[in-house]
Protein backbone atom coordinates (compact mmCIF):
# COMPACT_ATOMS: atom_id res chain seq x y z
CA MET A 1 37.66 -8.25 -2.56
CA ALA A 2 35.33 -8.69 0.42
CA ARG A 3 34.04 -5.15 0.03
CA GLU A 4 33.39 -5.76 -3.67
CA LYS A 5 31.43 -8.94 -2.91
CA LYS A 6 29.40 -7.09 -0.30
CA ARG A 7 28.60 -4.33 -2.76
CA TRP A 8 27.45 -6.81 -5.40
CA GLY A 9 25.42 -8.69 -2.82
CA LEU A 10 23.62 -5.53 -1.74
CA THR A 11 23.01 -4.65 -5.40
CA ILE A 12 21.42 -8.04 -6.08
CA VAL A 13 19.27 -7.90 -2.95
CA GLY A 14 18.16 -4.35 -3.80
CA THR A 15 17.29 -5.38 -7.36
CA VAL A 16 15.23 -8.35 -6.16
CA VAL A 17 13.33 -6.20 -3.64
CA ALA A 18 12.68 -3.55 -6.30
CA LEU A 19 11.34 -6.18 -8.72
CA VAL A 20 9.02 -7.58 -6.04
CA PHE A 21 7.49 -4.14 -5.52
CA LEU A 22 7.42 -3.27 -9.23
CA PHE A 23 5.90 -6.57 -10.40
CA PRO A 24 2.24 -5.63 -9.63
CA TYR A 25 2.71 -2.35 -11.51
CA LEU A 26 4.15 -4.23 -14.49
CA ILE A 27 1.14 -6.57 -14.48
CA MET A 28 -1.15 -3.54 -14.35
CA LEU A 29 0.73 -1.86 -17.21
CA VAL A 30 0.56 -4.94 -19.42
CA GLY A 31 -3.10 -5.45 -18.52
CA ALA A 32 -3.88 -1.93 -19.72
CA PHE A 33 -2.82 -3.04 -23.24
CA LYS A 34 -4.94 -6.21 -23.23
CA PRO A 35 -8.47 -6.69 -24.55
CA ARG A 36 -10.93 -7.63 -21.83
CA ARG A 37 -11.31 -11.25 -22.99
CA GLU A 38 -7.58 -11.90 -22.58
CA ILE A 39 -7.57 -10.47 -19.06
CA LEU A 40 -10.31 -12.91 -18.05
CA GLN A 41 -8.98 -15.97 -19.88
CA VAL A 42 -7.87 -19.04 -17.93
CA PRO A 43 -5.00 -19.72 -17.62
CA PRO A 44 -3.94 -16.07 -17.85
CA ALA A 45 -1.20 -14.96 -20.23
CA TYR A 46 1.30 -12.39 -19.00
CA LEU A 47 1.74 -10.84 -22.44
CA PRO A 48 -1.26 -10.09 -24.67
CA ASP A 49 -1.76 -11.87 -27.97
CA ASN A 50 -3.39 -8.73 -29.35
CA TRP A 51 -2.07 -5.44 -28.06
CA GLU A 52 -4.75 -2.81 -27.48
CA PRO A 53 -3.08 0.61 -26.99
CA GLY A 54 -6.43 2.11 -27.92
CA ASN A 55 -7.63 1.38 -24.37
CA PHE A 56 -5.91 4.60 -23.29
CA LEU A 57 -8.01 6.51 -25.84
CA THR A 58 -11.39 4.81 -25.64
CA MET A 59 -11.48 4.99 -21.82
CA TRP A 60 -12.02 8.77 -22.04
CA ASP A 61 -15.28 8.28 -23.96
CA THR A 62 -16.83 5.49 -21.90
CA PRO A 63 -20.43 6.05 -20.73
CA GLU A 64 -19.61 4.82 -17.21
CA THR A 65 -17.80 7.97 -16.11
CA PRO A 66 -16.67 11.38 -17.47
CA LEU A 67 -12.94 10.79 -17.00
CA PRO A 68 -11.69 14.17 -18.32
CA PHE A 69 -13.73 15.97 -15.67
CA ASN A 70 -12.65 13.46 -13.02
CA LEU A 71 -8.99 14.05 -13.83
CA LEU A 72 -9.53 17.81 -13.66
CA SER A 73 -11.26 17.42 -10.29
CA THR A 74 -8.36 15.35 -8.95
CA VAL A 75 -5.78 17.92 -10.04
CA VAL A 76 -7.71 20.92 -8.67
CA ILE A 77 -8.53 19.25 -5.35
CA SER A 78 -4.99 17.92 -4.83
CA LEU A 79 -3.25 21.19 -5.68
CA GLY A 80 -5.74 23.25 -3.69
CA GLY A 81 -5.61 20.99 -0.64
CA THR A 82 -1.79 20.89 -0.68
CA ALA A 83 -1.45 24.66 -1.07
CA LEU A 84 -3.96 25.41 1.69
CA ALA A 85 -2.41 22.90 4.09
CA LEU A 86 1.10 24.32 3.58
CA LEU A 87 -0.15 27.89 3.79
CA ALA A 88 -1.56 27.17 7.24
CA ALA A 89 1.17 24.78 8.41
CA LEU A 90 4.18 26.96 7.57
CA PRO A 91 3.55 29.83 10.04
CA ALA A 92 2.30 27.38 12.69
CA ALA A 93 5.43 25.23 12.41
CA TYR A 94 7.72 28.26 12.42
CA TYR A 95 6.11 29.88 15.46
CA THR A 96 5.96 26.70 17.57
CA ALA A 97 9.59 25.86 16.75
CA ARG A 98 11.11 29.32 17.34
CA HIS A 99 9.02 30.53 20.29
CA ARG A 100 8.36 29.18 23.76
CA PHE A 101 4.87 29.82 25.13
CA ARG A 102 2.79 28.18 27.83
CA LEU A 103 0.39 26.22 25.62
CA ARG A 104 3.03 25.19 23.08
CA LEU A 105 3.09 21.48 24.01
CA PRO A 106 -0.72 21.14 24.36
CA PHE A 107 -1.08 22.83 20.96
CA LEU A 108 1.32 20.40 19.30
CA LEU A 109 -0.38 17.44 20.98
CA LEU A 110 -3.77 18.72 19.83
CA VAL A 111 -2.44 18.95 16.28
CA LEU A 112 -1.17 15.37 16.59
CA VAL A 113 -4.52 14.11 17.91
CA THR A 114 -6.27 15.37 14.78
CA GLN A 115 -4.16 12.89 12.79
CA MET A 116 -6.01 10.08 14.56
CA LEU A 117 -9.34 11.16 13.06
CA GLN A 118 -9.98 9.83 9.58
CA PRO A 119 -12.26 11.42 6.97
CA THR A 120 -14.30 8.20 6.87
CA VAL A 121 -15.34 8.59 10.51
CA LEU A 122 -16.32 12.24 10.14
CA ALA A 123 -17.74 12.09 6.62
CA SER A 124 -21.39 12.11 7.67
CA GLY A 125 -20.87 15.09 9.99
CA LEU A 126 -18.89 16.92 7.32
CA PHE A 127 -21.66 16.23 4.79
CA ARG A 128 -24.25 17.83 7.09
CA GLU A 129 -21.98 20.80 7.79
CA PHE A 130 -21.25 21.46 4.13
CA VAL A 131 -24.94 21.24 3.29
CA GLU A 132 -25.63 23.95 5.87
CA LEU A 133 -22.81 26.08 4.42
CA GLY A 134 -24.01 25.53 0.87
CA ILE A 135 -20.72 24.10 -0.41
CA ASN A 136 -21.58 20.40 -0.50
CA ASP A 137 -20.67 18.60 -3.73
CA THR A 138 -18.04 21.23 -4.64
CA TRP A 139 -14.29 21.23 -5.07
CA LEU A 140 -14.01 23.73 -2.21
CA ALA A 141 -15.48 21.22 0.22
CA MET A 142 -12.89 18.58 -0.64
CA ILE A 143 -10.05 21.10 -0.65
CA LEU A 144 -10.97 22.07 2.91
CA VAL A 145 -11.27 18.43 3.99
CA ASN A 146 -7.94 17.40 2.47
CA ALA A 147 -6.16 20.44 3.88
CA ALA A 148 -7.57 19.87 7.36
CA PHE A 149 -6.68 16.19 7.53
CA ASN A 150 -3.13 16.71 6.24
CA LEU A 151 -2.40 19.85 8.25
CA SER A 152 -1.08 18.05 11.32
CA PHE A 153 1.47 16.00 9.36
CA ALA A 154 2.76 19.10 7.58
CA VAL A 155 3.04 21.03 10.86
CA TRP A 156 5.00 18.28 12.62
CA ILE A 157 7.34 17.68 9.69
CA MET A 158 8.22 21.36 9.23
CA HIS A 159 8.29 21.99 13.00
CA SER A 160 11.15 19.52 13.39
CA PHE A 161 13.11 21.18 10.57
CA PHE A 162 12.59 24.69 11.93
CA ALA A 163 13.62 23.51 15.42
CA SER A 164 16.87 22.02 14.05
CA VAL A 165 18.11 25.38 12.72
CA PRO A 166 20.42 27.07 15.29
CA ASN A 167 19.10 30.31 16.75
CA GLU A 168 22.43 31.99 15.99
CA ILE A 169 21.75 31.89 12.24
CA GLU A 170 18.51 33.78 12.58
CA GLU A 171 19.99 36.20 15.12
CA ALA A 172 22.85 36.94 12.73
CA ALA A 173 20.32 37.82 10.04
CA TRP A 174 18.60 40.22 12.45
CA LEU A 175 21.93 41.89 13.26
CA ASP A 176 22.53 42.35 9.54
CA GLY A 177 19.32 44.34 9.31
CA CYS A 178 16.80 41.70 8.26
CA SER A 179 13.32 41.87 9.70
CA LYS A 180 11.66 38.70 10.98
CA GLY A 181 9.79 38.32 7.74
CA GLN A 182 12.95 38.76 5.67
CA SER A 183 14.92 36.32 7.81
CA LEU A 184 12.13 33.78 7.44
CA ARG A 185 11.99 34.19 3.67
CA ARG A 186 15.72 34.53 2.90
CA ILE A 187 17.36 32.40 5.61
CA MET A 188 14.94 29.99 7.27
CA LEU A 189 12.95 28.78 4.28
CA PRO A 190 16.02 27.71 2.24
CA LEU A 191 17.38 25.86 5.29
CA VAL A 192 14.14 23.97 5.91
CA TRP A 193 13.50 23.34 2.20
CA PRO A 194 13.83 19.53 2.62
CA GLY A 195 11.03 19.63 5.19
CA ILE A 196 8.83 21.72 2.89
CA VAL A 197 9.47 19.32 0.01
CA THR A 198 8.65 16.33 2.21
CA ALA A 199 5.42 17.97 3.38
CA VAL A 200 4.48 18.83 -0.22
CA ILE A 201 5.07 15.29 -1.46
CA PHE A 202 3.14 13.45 1.24
CA THR A 203 0.33 16.00 1.41
CA PHE A 204 -0.13 15.93 -2.36
CA ILE A 205 -0.12 12.12 -2.44
CA ALA A 206 -2.65 11.95 0.39
CA CYS A 207 -4.92 14.41 -1.42
CA TRP A 208 -4.48 12.61 -4.75
CA ASN A 209 -5.34 9.20 -3.27
CA GLU A 210 -8.24 10.29 -1.03
CA PHE A 211 -11.31 8.14 -1.60
CA ALA A 212 -13.75 7.75 1.31
CA ALA A 213 -14.66 11.41 1.90
CA SER A 214 -14.90 12.09 -1.85
CA LEU A 215 -17.30 9.19 -2.27
CA ILE A 216 -19.72 10.76 0.26
CA LEU A 217 -19.17 14.49 -0.23
CA LEU A 218 -19.08 14.50 -4.05
CA PRO A 219 -22.14 12.62 -5.33
CA THR A 220 -22.08 14.26 -8.78
CA ASP A 221 -20.11 12.27 -11.38
CA VAL A 222 -18.27 15.22 -12.92
CA ASN A 223 -17.03 16.46 -9.53
CA GLN A 224 -15.59 13.15 -8.35
CA PRO A 225 -11.84 12.45 -8.46
CA LEU A 226 -10.25 9.54 -10.29
CA THR A 227 -10.19 7.35 -7.17
CA VAL A 228 -14.00 7.37 -7.07
CA ALA A 229 -14.48 7.31 -10.84
CA LEU A 230 -12.33 4.18 -11.06
CA THR A 231 -14.95 2.16 -9.16
CA ARG A 232 -17.54 2.82 -11.88
CA PHE A 233 -15.72 0.41 -14.20
CA ILE A 234 -16.30 -2.42 -11.71
CA GLY A 235 -19.86 -3.73 -11.88
CA GLN A 236 -21.78 -6.46 -10.08
CA TYR A 237 -21.81 -8.82 -13.04
CA GLU A 238 -19.09 -7.55 -15.32
CA SER A 239 -16.07 -5.25 -15.05
CA ALA A 240 -14.02 -3.39 -17.66
CA TRP A 241 -10.64 -4.42 -16.28
CA GLN A 242 -8.73 -3.04 -19.24
CA TYR A 243 -10.02 0.43 -18.33
CA VAL A 244 -9.39 -0.13 -14.63
CA PHE A 245 -5.73 -0.83 -15.39
CA ALA A 246 -5.44 2.06 -17.85
CA VAL A 247 -7.01 4.60 -15.50
CA SER A 248 -4.80 3.34 -12.66
CA ILE A 249 -1.71 3.94 -14.79
CA ILE A 250 -2.89 7.48 -15.56
CA GLY A 251 -3.55 7.98 -11.86
CA ILE A 252 -0.06 7.06 -10.67
CA LEU A 253 1.89 8.94 -13.35
CA PRO A 254 1.58 12.42 -11.73
CA VAL A 255 2.82 11.06 -8.40
CA VAL A 256 5.82 9.42 -10.05
CA ALA A 257 6.54 12.62 -11.96
CA LEU A 258 6.33 14.63 -8.73
CA PHE A 259 8.95 12.43 -7.08
CA ALA A 260 11.20 12.66 -10.12
CA LEU A 261 11.01 16.46 -10.21
CA ILE A 262 11.39 17.15 -6.49
CA GLU A 263 13.84 14.44 -5.44
CA LYS A 264 16.90 16.44 -6.53
CA HIS A 265 15.91 19.32 -4.25
CA LEU A 266 15.98 17.18 -1.10
CA VAL A 267 19.77 17.21 -0.83
CA SER A 268 20.42 20.65 -2.31
CA GLY A 269 18.09 22.25 0.20
CA LEU A 270 20.05 20.93 3.18
CA THR A 271 22.79 23.57 2.88
CA ALA A 272 21.08 26.29 0.85
CA GLY A 273 20.83 29.61 2.68
CA GLY A 274 23.46 28.80 5.28
CA VAL A 275 26.22 30.85 3.65
CA LYS A 276 26.00 34.61 3.51
């Protein structure tokens, strides 16, 4: 009986906490279906008197910003930055976890120090550098920036997973005739899959939500991501809040979908590859 009461108590507490965090998103979702006059009315109404689902259609044709191009820019930059960061972080994490060399600790500390530098602080220097290289105001510039500033997190996350795998598993693969590349691909990667998934999720979210560097390095409207394009609906004297809410909903859907698709692999990857 006591255990049952405790379980119900935890369920109620968890539900209340979830509702507290979900409430702003519910307000944003309802606001996306309101006409602008109802959003600004006093006192505000939680549910609209006149539902406007057309906000999700008309926002794509607004003169303030070319949203279809902004969405495409966000997808390309996020996928490119995530792929490049993981491509560089994977061998670095594997080598630092499985090998002992003299500068191993200074290297890892140097990687960690780069996490302290934010794109906002370095944006002006990056702008000048990209102008000299001829890639300013391009997707490539933002892919490089996002990959560089998320590289350290990906290295540290995957380093800890590689280091947790016993050496005997990899040595057994070598005795069975696997090369180092084959043992990495067939044995190590399945075992550290949860770390790879974690790095993918957080790197992709960081790239998707990046704002400050994009605002400086991508001055052209069509090249800017959704995070920058969203600000164009907010003016000095008047703001299109119905479009702000609608674009925000569109912006968070891919992240939610990513969690829903990858979450099931977090547990399954813990034991995959450990049995011959």
